[in-house]
């Protein structure tokens, strides 16, 4: 009965958004894995120039909706954060724009695709976002403590066991006929990979975006500068260093399957250097 209810609600949302007339891309990823890098890159590809997504409101639910300069791209962000009423209010208020857009992006963060048969998960091309685990964890850990230093509670970027299991699912995500896997690190380093991925979405214009302002931008660079990723430098910037070294030591010991050989070697070298210092 619950599955029937979800199917009916999903159908209503699809009618409201008019997405039979445009391309719908459904994104899943953990926070700090490059979610907004992907949405901004796809926006550039559709707009064919460096473009910013502008929020349609200052408060929920409209603060979850973003529009490209021409209106060709609409992004409904973190839909899993909205309750039932707010979800329908968002789709109702944005229906004129979503019906006219060329690409509708729907994103979900910090939820497991295997366990999310929710009515907000509309049909379309589904993309699962993957990034080197140590980069994601270092970013979340740093951001968590940066917020705490300002007196702000920030459970949305926890690095607990539940999160690690969620991250593990994305690390093991495999590509299929219905699901694409977007690998952040390959995307950043390989023009050939970017070209190939865009082709799967019937796009071709490739322009790496600047840091997104959504979510405060990069944990280490804010919203300035070009996107980059240097793991050894990143590990050295995480604060507070003493606690980070201890946390990382336990992480590599208890969850080695999350990391590549290169990540484990880089992490271990950082830890040894910290103890020598």
Protein backbone atom coordinates (compact mmCIF):
# COMPACT_ATOMS: atom_id res chain seq x y z
CA UNK A 1 0.00 0.00 0.00
CA UNK A 2 2.81 2.41 0.86
CA UNK A 3 4.50 1.78 -2.51
CA UNK A 4 1.21 2.54 -4.30
CA UNK A 5 0.94 5.79 -2.35
CA UNK A 6 4.47 6.79 -3.29
CA UNK A 7 3.78 6.01 -6.96
CA UNK A 8 0.68 8.20 -6.94
CA UNK A 9 2.46 11.10 -5.23
CA UNK A 10 5.37 10.75 -7.65
CA UNK A 11 2.94 10.93 -10.57
CA UNK A 12 1.42 14.14 -9.19
CA UNK A 13 4.87 15.76 -8.83
CA UNK A 14 5.72 14.79 -12.39
CA UNK A 15 2.49 16.40 -13.61
CA UNK A 16 3.24 19.57 -11.67
CA UNK A 17 6.77 19.87 -13.02
CA UNK A 18 5.80 19.01 -16.59
CA UNK A 19 8.96 16.97 -16.97
CA UNK A 20 7.72 14.97 -19.93
CA UNK A 21 8.79 18.01 -21.96
CA UNK A 22 12.38 18.21 -20.73
CA UNK A 23 15.34 16.19 -19.53
CA UNK A 24 15.24 15.13 -15.90
CA UNK A 25 18.49 14.23 -14.10
CA UNK A 26 18.32 12.80 -10.57
CA UNK A 27 21.50 13.20 -8.49
CA UNK A 28 22.54 11.26 -5.38
CA UNK A 29 25.69 11.99 -3.37
CA UNK A 30 27.02 12.59 0.12
CA UNK A 31 27.74 16.16 1.16
CA UNK A 32 31.22 17.41 0.19
CA UNK A 33 31.56 14.90 -2.64
CA UNK A 34 31.25 17.47 -5.42
CA UNK A 35 27.47 17.64 -5.77
CA UNK A 36 27.42 21.33 -6.63
CA UNK A 37 30.47 21.04 -8.86
CA UNK A 38 28.42 18.60 -10.92
CA UNK A 39 25.24 20.70 -11.00
CA UNK A 40 27.19 23.84 -11.96
CA UNK A 41 29.16 21.97 -14.61
CA UNK A 42 25.95 20.62 -16.15
CA UNK A 43 24.49 24.12 -16.02
CA UNK A 44 27.52 25.45 -17.92
CA UNK A 45 27.04 22.67 -20.48
CA UNK A 46 23.41 23.63 -21.07
CA UNK A 47 24.00 27.40 -21.03
CA UNK A 48 27.26 27.00 -23.02
CA UNK A 49 29.04 29.58 -20.85
CA UNK A 50 30.15 30.10 -17.23
CA UNK A 51 26.84 30.41 -15.39
CA UNK A 52 25.55 30.74 -11.85
CA UNK A 53 22.43 29.16 -10.45
CA UNK A 54 20.38 31.78 -8.58
CA UNK A 55 18.09 30.83 -5.66
CA UNK A 56 14.40 31.53 -6.22
CA UNK A 57 13.80 32.38 -2.58
CA UNK A 58 15.49 33.12 0.73
CA UNK A 59 13.50 30.70 2.88
CA UNK A 60 12.42 27.07 2.51
CA UNK A 61 11.03 25.64 0.41
CA UNK A 62 11.91 28.13 -2.36
CA UNK A 63 15.49 28.41 -1.07
CA UNK A 64 15.85 24.84 -2.36
CA UNK A 65 15.13 25.97 -5.94
CA UNK A 66 17.75 27.46 -8.27
CA UNK A 67 17.51 28.83 -11.79
CA UNK A 68 20.12 29.41 -14.51
CA UNK A 69 20.34 32.84 -16.22
CA UNK A 70 18.23 31.82 -19.23
CA UNK A 71 15.90 29.54 -17.30
CA UNK A 72 17.08 26.50 -19.24
CA UNK A 73 18.19 24.76 -16.03
CA UNK A 74 16.20 24.42 -12.81
CA UNK A 75 17.81 22.72 -9.82
CA UNK A 76 15.69 21.49 -6.92
CA UNK A 77 18.30 20.91 -4.24
CA UNK A 78 18.32 18.54 -1.23
CA UNK A 79 14.75 17.39 -1.74
CA UNK A 80 15.20 14.82 1.03
CA UNK A 81 15.41 17.72 3.53
CA UNK A 82 11.83 18.83 2.83
CA UNK A 83 8.72 17.47 4.51
CA UNK A 84 5.61 16.36 2.63
CA UNK A 85 3.89 19.75 2.58
CA UNK A 86 7.03 21.72 1.69
CA UNK A 87 7.81 19.37 -1.18
CA UNK A 88 4.46 19.96 -2.86
CA UNK A 89 4.65 23.68 -2.15
CA UNK A 90 8.05 23.79 -3.88
CA UNK A 91 6.84 21.94 -6.97
CA UNK A 92 3.67 24.03 -7.11
CA UNK A 93 5.49 27.37 -6.87
CA UNK A 94 8.15 26.43 -9.44
CA UNK A 95 5.86 24.69 -11.94
CA UNK A 96 5.90 27.51 -14.51
CA UNK A 97 9.70 27.48 -14.60
CA UNK A 98 10.13 23.70 -14.53
CA UNK A 99 7.69 23.26 -17.41
CA UNK A 100 9.73 25.65 -19.55
CA UNK A 101 13.24 24.51 -18.61
CA UNK A 102 15.41 22.30 -20.79
CA UNK A 103 16.99 20.35 -17.91
CA UNK A 104 15.52 19.71 -14.47
CA UNK A 105 18.06 18.67 -11.82
CA UNK A 106 16.77 16.95 -8.69
CA UNK A 107 19.34 16.30 -5.97
CA UNK A 108 19.41 14.20 -2.80
CA UNK A 109 22.26 14.35 -0.29
CA UNK A 110 23.43 11.93 2.42
CA UNK A 111 20.78 9.31 1.65
CA UNK A 112 21.43 5.82 0.31
CA UNK A 113 19.98 5.18 -3.14
CA UNK A 114 19.36 1.54 -2.22
CA UNK A 115 17.09 2.57 0.66
CA UNK A 116 15.27 5.60 -0.76
CA UNK A 117 12.10 4.54 -2.66
CA UNK A 118 10.61 7.96 -1.89
CA UNK A 119 7.94 9.77 -3.93
CA UNK A 120 10.39 12.67 -4.45
CA UNK A 121 12.63 10.34 -6.47
CA UNK A 122 11.15 11.04 -9.89
CA UNK A 123 12.10 8.95 -12.89
CA UNK A 124 14.90 10.15 -15.16
CA UNK A 125 18.59 9.66 -15.73
CA UNK A 126 20.01 8.87 -12.29
CA UNK A 127 23.57 9.87 -11.41
CA UNK A 128 25.44 8.61 -8.34
CA UNK A 129 28.35 10.82 -7.27
CA UNK A 130 31.64 9.29 -6.17
CA UNK A 131 34.73 11.02 -4.81
CA UNK A 132 37.85 9.74 -3.05
CA UNK A 133 36.69 8.93 0.48
CA UNK A 134 39.57 10.66 2.26
CA UNK A 135 38.85 13.92 0.45
CA UNK A 136 35.18 13.79 1.43
CA UNK A 137 35.88 12.90 5.06
CA UNK A 138 38.60 15.53 5.53
CA UNK A 139 36.29 18.18 4.09
CA UNK A 140 33.36 17.21 6.31
CA UNK A 141 35.54 16.95 9.44
CA UNK A 142 37.08 20.37 8.82
CA UNK A 143 33.73 21.98 8.06
CA UNK A 144 32.14 20.37 11.11
CA UNK A 145 34.71 21.91 13.45
CA UNK A 146 34.75 25.23 11.59
CA UNK A 147 31.03 25.60 12.29
CA UNK A 148 31.43 24.45 15.90
CA UNK A 149 34.04 27.16 16.48
CA UNK A 150 31.34 29.68 15.57
CA UNK A 151 28.90 28.09 18.00
CA UNK A 152 26.85 26.48 15.23
CA UNK A 153 25.60 22.91 15.63
CA UNK A 154 26.31 21.05 12.39
CA UNK A 155 25.11 17.44 12.45
CA UNK A 156 24.45 17.47 8.71
CA UNK A 157 28.12 16.74 8.02
CA UNK A 158 28.75 14.08 10.63
CA UNK A 159 31.54 11.55 10.12
CA UNK A 160 29.94 8.79 12.17
CA UNK A 161 29.48 5.09 11.38
CA UNK A 162 26.16 5.65 9.62
CA UNK A 163 27.76 8.19 7.31
CA UNK A 164 30.71 5.89 6.61
CA UNK A 165 28.32 3.11 5.59
CA UNK A 166 26.48 5.55 3.33
CA UNK A 167 29.77 6.66 1.79
CA UNK A 168 30.71 3.01 1.33
CA UNK A 169 27.61 2.46 -0.81
CA UNK A 170 28.62 5.29 -3.14
CA UNK A 171 32.18 3.97 -3.35
CA UNK A 172 30.80 0.65 -4.57
CA UNK A 173 28.14 2.09 -6.87
CA UNK A 174 28.36 0.59 -10.35
CA UNK A 175 27.12 1.97 -13.63
CA UNK A 176 24.10 0.42 -15.33
CA UNK A 177 21.65 1.13 -18.12
CA UNK A 178 19.57 3.29 -15.77
CA UNK A 179 22.28 4.72 -13.52
CA UNK A 180 25.45 6.68 -14.29
CA UNK A 181 28.34 6.99 -11.85
CA UNK A 182 30.10 10.36 -11.91
CA UNK A 183 33.61 10.14 -10.47
CA UNK A 184 34.73 13.55 -9.21
CA UNK A 185 38.47 12.88 -9.31
CA UNK A 186 38.40 11.58 -12.90
CA UNK A 187 36.18 14.49 -13.91
CA UNK A 188 38.65 17.01 -12.49
CA UNK A 189 41.70 15.49 -14.18
CA UNK A 190 40.50 14.11 -17.51
CA UNK A 191 39.03 16.12 -20.43
CA UNK A 192 38.31 12.79 -22.15
CA UNK A 193 36.25 11.61 -19.18
CA UNK A 194 34.27 14.86 -19.12
CA UNK A 195 33.56 14.64 -22.85
CA UNK A 196 32.41 11.03 -22.56
CA UNK A 197 30.15 11.77 -19.58
CA UNK A 198 28.51 14.76 -21.27
CA UNK A 199 27.78 12.68 -24.36
CA UNK A 200 25.76 10.26 -22.24
CA UNK A 201 23.50 13.19 -21.35
CA UNK A 202 23.36 14.52 -24.92
CA UNK A 203 25.54 17.49 -23.97
CA UNK A 204 28.94 18.60 -25.27
CA UNK A 205 30.05 21.99 -23.90
CA UNK A 206 32.75 21.40 -21.27
CA UNK A 207 33.65 24.18 -18.83
CA UNK A 208 34.70 23.44 -15.24
CA UNK A 209 32.84 25.83 -12.91
CA UNK A 210 34.13 27.98 -10.08
CA UNK A 211 33.47 27.03 -6.46
CA UNK A 212 29.77 27.02 -5.69
CA UNK A 213 28.36 29.46 -3.15
CA UNK A 214 25.70 26.93 -2.14
CA UNK A 215 26.49 25.28 1.19
CA UNK A 216 29.25 27.80 1.90
CA UNK A 217 31.45 26.71 -0.98
CA UNK A 218 34.57 24.64 -0.46
CA UNK A 219 35.53 23.78 3.13
CA UNK A 220 39.07 24.97 2.38
CA UNK A 221 38.70 27.62 -0.35
CA UNK A 222 35.27 29.12 0.29
CA UNK A 223 33.80 30.40 -2.97
CA UNK A 224 36.99 31.77 -4.51
CA UNK A 225 39.27 30.33 -7.14
CA UNK A 226 39.20 27.40 -9.48
CA UNK A 227 38.24 23.94 -8.27
CA UNK A 228 41.25 21.81 -7.37
CA UNK A 229 42.01 18.76 -5.26
CA UNK A 230 45.39 18.01 -3.66
CA UNK A 231 44.97 15.37 -0.98
CA UNK A 232 48.26 15.84 0.90
CA UNK A 233 47.70 19.61 1.15
CA UNK A 234 44.10 19.08 2.19
CA UNK A 235 45.06 16.79 5.08
CA UNK A 236 47.43 19.44 6.43
CA UNK A 237 44.71 22.10 6.44
CA UNK A 238 42.16 20.21 8.51
CA UNK A 239 41.59 21.74 11.95
CA UNK A 240 42.05 20.99 14.77
CA UNK A 241 45.14 19.05 13.65
CA UNK A 242 45.76 17.09 16.87
CA UNK A 243 42.26 15.64 16.95
CA UNK A 244 42.26 15.14 13.18
CA UNK A 245 45.43 13.03 13.30
CA UNK A 246 43.90 10.85 16.01
CA UNK A 247 40.62 10.52 14.11
CA UNK A 248 42.39 9.69 10.85
CA UNK A 249 44.55 7.06 12.54
CA UNK A 250 41.47 5.21 13.81
CA UNK A 251 39.70 5.69 10.49
CA UNK A 252 42.46 4.05 8.44
CA UNK A 253 42.72 1.25 10.98
CA UNK A 254 39.01 0.43 11.30
CA UNK A 255 37.70 1.21 7.80
CA UNK A 256 40.53 0.41 5.34
CA UNK A 257 38.10 -0.80 2.67
CA UNK A 258 36.89 2.77 2.11
CA UNK A 259 40.22 3.92 0.73
CA UNK A 260 42.39 3.26 -2.29
CA UNK A 261 46.02 2.21 -1.85
CA UNK A 262 47.10 5.74 -2.75
CA UNK A 263 44.79 7.28 -0.15
CA UNK A 264 46.02 4.91 2.57
CA UNK A 265 49.65 5.67 1.72
CA UNK A 266 49.06 9.43 1.66
CA UNK A 267 47.12 9.29 4.92
CA UNK A 268 49.75 7.17 6.64
CA UNK A 269 52.57 9.44 5.44
CA UNK A 270 50.68 12.45 6.81
CA UNK A 271 50.19 10.76 10.20
CA UNK A 272 53.85 9.76 10.46
CA UNK A 273 54.92 13.29 9.53
CA UNK A 274 52.60 14.75 12.17
CA UNK A 275 54.09 12.55 14.90
CA UNK A 276 57.63 13.45 13.83
CA UNK A 277 56.76 17.12 13.96
